[in-house]
Protein backbone atom coordinates (compact mmCIF):
# COMPACT_ATOMS: atom_id res chain seq x y z
CA MET A 1 -21.01 17.49 14.88
CA GLU A 2 -19.85 20.65 16.64
CA ALA A 3 -16.19 20.87 17.68
CA ASP A 4 -17.16 21.98 21.19
CA SER A 5 -18.71 18.54 21.73
CA TYR A 6 -15.36 16.80 21.26
CA THR A 7 -13.91 15.31 24.44
CA GLY A 8 -11.68 12.77 22.68
CA HIS A 9 -8.40 13.21 20.82
CA VAL A 10 -6.86 12.28 17.47
CA LEU A 11 -3.23 11.19 17.30
CA LEU A 12 -2.12 11.90 13.73
CA VAL A 13 0.97 9.99 12.61
CA MET A 14 3.08 11.06 9.65
CA ALA A 15 6.13 9.08 8.57
CA PRO A 16 8.12 8.16 5.46
CA MET A 17 8.18 4.64 4.05
CA GLY A 18 10.42 2.33 6.07
CA SER A 19 10.29 4.55 9.16
CA GLY A 20 9.12 1.72 11.42
CA LYS A 21 5.74 3.39 11.85
CA GLY A 22 3.91 0.05 11.84
CA THR A 23 6.25 -1.39 14.48
CA LEU A 24 5.65 1.60 16.76
CA GLU A 25 1.89 1.42 16.23
CA ARG A 26 1.74 -2.30 17.04
CA TYR A 27 3.74 -1.63 20.20
CA ALA A 28 1.29 1.12 21.18
CA PHE A 29 -1.78 -1.05 20.57
CA ALA A 30 -0.25 -3.83 22.68
CA HIS A 31 0.11 -1.34 25.57
CA PHE A 32 -3.21 0.45 25.05
CA PRO A 33 -5.87 -2.04 23.87
CA GLU A 34 -8.53 0.68 24.09
CA LEU A 35 -6.70 2.82 21.51
CA LEU A 36 -8.71 3.03 18.27
CA PHE A 37 -7.22 2.87 14.77
CA ALA A 38 -8.91 4.93 12.07
CA VAL A 39 -8.83 2.79 8.93
CA SER A 40 -8.40 5.01 5.87
CA CYS A 41 -9.62 4.27 2.36
CA THR A 42 -7.26 3.92 -0.58
CA THR A 43 -7.44 3.02 -4.24
CA ARG A 44 -3.96 1.44 -4.28
CA GLN A 45 -3.52 -2.32 -4.40
CA PRO A 46 -2.82 -4.19 -1.14
CA ARG A 47 0.80 -5.00 -0.44
CA PRO A 48 1.86 -8.49 0.67
CA GLY A 49 0.57 -9.16 4.18
CA GLU A 50 -2.03 -6.38 4.14
CA THR A 51 -5.68 -7.18 4.86
CA ASP A 52 -8.69 -5.22 3.67
CA GLY A 53 -10.27 -3.38 6.60
CA GLN A 54 -7.14 -3.66 8.73
CA GLU A 55 -4.40 -1.45 7.26
CA TYR A 56 -6.79 0.20 4.77
CA HIS A 57 -10.18 -0.17 3.17
CA PHE A 58 -9.03 -1.07 -0.35
CA ILE A 59 -11.66 0.26 -2.74
CA THR A 60 -11.99 1.14 -6.42
CA ARG A 61 -11.49 4.66 -7.73
CA THR A 62 -15.18 4.74 -8.66
CA ALA A 63 -16.21 3.85 -5.10
CA PHE A 64 -13.77 6.42 -3.71
CA GLU A 65 -15.10 9.16 -5.97
CA GLN A 66 -18.64 8.28 -4.90
CA LYS A 67 -17.64 8.80 -1.28
CA ILE A 68 -16.16 12.18 -2.20
CA GLU A 69 -19.45 13.13 -3.86
CA ASN A 70 -21.35 11.97 -0.76
CA GLU A 71 -19.02 14.08 1.45
CA GLU A 72 -18.05 11.02 3.50
CA PHE A 73 -14.39 12.03 3.87
CA LEU A 74 -12.97 14.28 6.55
CA GLU A 75 -9.95 14.70 4.29
CA TRP A 76 -8.62 13.07 1.17
CA ALA A 77 -5.63 13.41 -1.12
CA GLU A 78 -4.11 11.94 -4.26
CA PHE A 79 -0.52 10.79 -4.41
CA GLY A 80 1.31 8.70 -6.97
CA GLY A 81 -1.88 8.09 -8.89
CA ASN A 82 -3.68 6.67 -5.85
CA LEU A 83 -6.36 8.25 -3.66
CA TYR A 84 -6.23 8.18 0.15
CA GLY A 85 -8.94 9.42 2.50
CA THR A 86 -10.09 9.50 6.12
CA LEU A 87 -13.77 8.76 6.63
CA LYS A 88 -15.66 11.15 8.91
CA SER A 89 -17.23 8.17 10.66
CA GLU A 90 -13.78 6.90 11.69
CA LEU A 91 -12.93 10.06 13.66
CA LEU A 92 -15.83 12.30 14.57
CA THR A 93 -18.02 9.82 16.49
CA PRO A 94 -15.10 8.59 18.67
CA LEU A 95 -14.12 12.22 19.30
CA VAL A 96 -17.57 12.94 20.73
CA ASN A 97 -17.37 9.73 22.76
CA GLY A 98 -14.12 10.80 24.44
CA GLN A 99 -11.91 8.19 22.80
CA LEU A 100 -8.34 8.37 21.52
CA ILE A 101 -8.01 7.57 17.82
CA LEU A 102 -4.76 6.95 15.99
CA ASN A 103 -4.86 8.05 12.36
CA GLU A 104 -2.16 7.93 9.70
CA ILE A 105 -2.23 11.13 7.67
CA GLU A 106 -0.78 12.42 4.41
CA LEU A 107 0.69 15.91 4.13
CA GLN A 108 -2.11 16.99 1.78
CA GLY A 109 -4.67 16.15 4.46
CA ILE A 110 -3.07 18.01 7.35
CA GLU A 111 -4.53 21.43 6.58
CA GLN A 112 -8.01 19.95 6.13
CA ILE A 113 -7.78 18.14 9.47
CA LYS A 114 -6.47 21.26 11.23
CA GLU A 115 -9.46 23.24 10.01
CA LEU A 116 -11.95 20.65 11.25
CA ILE A 117 -10.43 19.41 14.50
CA PRO A 118 -9.32 21.96 17.13
CA ALA A 119 -5.69 21.96 18.30
CA ALA A 120 -6.82 20.89 21.77
CA ASN A 121 -8.19 17.67 20.27
CA ARG A 122 -5.29 16.65 18.03
CA THR A 123 -1.59 15.85 18.22
CA ILE A 124 0.59 15.45 15.13
CA VAL A 125 3.57 13.11 15.44
CA TYR A 126 6.30 12.69 12.83
CA ILE A 127 8.49 9.58 12.86
CA GLU A 128 12.09 10.49 11.97
CA ALA A 129 13.95 7.57 10.42
CA GLY A 130 16.93 8.97 8.56
CA GLU A 131 17.88 9.65 4.97
CA TRP A 132 16.42 8.06 1.83
CA THR A 133 19.33 5.61 1.55
CA ASP A 134 18.62 4.32 5.07
CA LEU A 135 14.92 3.89 4.39
CA VAL A 136 15.29 2.22 1.02
CA ASN A 137 17.58 -0.40 2.57
CA ARG A 138 14.94 -1.10 5.23
CA ALA A 139 12.21 -1.34 2.61
CA LEU A 140 14.17 -3.68 0.33
CA ALA A 141 14.96 -5.94 3.28
CA ARG A 142 11.19 -6.25 3.80
CA ALA A 143 10.12 -6.85 0.19
CA PRO A 144 11.66 -6.61 -3.30
CA MET A 145 10.71 -3.59 -5.44
CA SER A 146 11.16 -2.74 -9.09
CA PRO A 147 13.17 0.36 -10.11
CA ALA A 148 9.89 2.04 -11.10
CA GLU A 149 8.36 1.32 -7.69
CA LEU A 150 11.51 2.59 -5.96
CA GLU A 151 11.32 5.83 -7.94
CA LYS A 152 7.69 6.31 -6.88
CA ARG A 153 8.70 5.66 -3.28
CA ARG A 154 11.58 8.15 -3.57
CA GLU A 155 9.18 10.83 -4.81
CA ARG A 156 6.82 10.03 -1.98
CA TYR A 157 9.68 10.19 0.54
CA ALA A 158 10.46 13.75 -0.57
CA HIS A 159 6.78 14.61 -0.11
CA GLU A 160 6.57 12.96 3.31
CA VAL A 161 9.72 14.63 4.67
CA ALA A 162 8.10 17.96 3.86
CA ALA A 163 5.47 17.15 6.50
CA LYS A 164 7.95 17.28 9.37
CA PRO A 165 7.53 21.03 10.14
CA TYR A 166 3.80 20.45 10.73
CA ALA A 167 4.47 18.03 13.59
CA ASP A 168 3.85 18.85 17.24
CA ILE A 169 6.25 16.07 18.24
CA VAL A 170 9.12 14.37 16.37
CA ILE A 171 10.11 10.86 17.46
CA ASP A 172 13.57 9.63 16.44
CA ASN A 173 13.36 6.06 15.14
CA ARG A 174 16.60 5.86 13.19
CA ASP A 175 18.52 2.57 13.26
CA GLY A 176 19.37 1.53 16.80
CA LYS A 177 16.79 3.81 18.43
CA LEU A 178 13.72 1.57 18.43
CA GLU A 179 13.48 1.16 22.22
CA SER A 180 13.72 4.88 22.90
CA ALA A 181 11.23 5.55 20.08
CA GLN A 182 8.77 3.07 21.58
CA ALA A 183 9.13 4.71 24.99
CA ALA A 184 8.61 8.16 23.48
CA PHE A 185 5.51 7.04 21.58
CA VAL A 186 4.01 5.49 24.71
CA ALA A 187 4.75 8.68 26.67
CA VAL A 188 2.89 10.76 24.06
CA ILE A 189 -0.15 8.50 24.34
CA GLU A 190 -0.10 8.56 28.14
CA ASP A 191 0.00 12.37 28.06
CA ILE A 192 -2.99 12.44 25.70
CA TYR A 193 -5.02 10.11 27.91
CA ARG A 194 -4.33 12.42 30.86
CA THR A 195 -5.57 15.35 28.75
CA ILE A 196 -8.75 13.46 27.83
CA LYS A 197 -9.47 12.65 31.48
CA GLN A 198 -9.02 16.28 32.48
CA ALA A 199 -11.37 17.43 29.69
CA GLN A 200 -14.04 15.01 30.86
CA ARG A 201 -14.06 16.22 34.47
């Protein structure tokens, strides 16, 4: 598919663990039922409460590597021993159809996405949620974690924070700022929908 055929938009969300990303996304989907969610593939195990095909397509490493070989991914990356990837089918067809797609993205995938999707058709949002100590308290309140798991999460946090300079927009969702963060996220989406409408005229 040629980039000049894209009339839709991709909203790329980057955020550390415990940032409240899921809460903001659920709020957005409640306000914009037409908003699409690009379900990524991963080789990691589902966490409690996660459903295959909803948060992620949970697949084996062998299946993931087969998709790499078949060039099915728009971008993919490995982190913490697990593979994560965005399927071309989840983004490119909706882009041609003029739809808005929300996609969670890893830092390693940003450069690949930027090469394939023009700036006019993408917006990168980073969810700011404070220091590691703040986030680990949020995460532990949600589910217990072993010291080894916490160390992996800490390493990932350092990696995810490094993504902040790539963002077009930073939304502050530190403790006590949920309402303003929700309003800011909705405003971003409303602006994108206006852009899509203008592009389709």
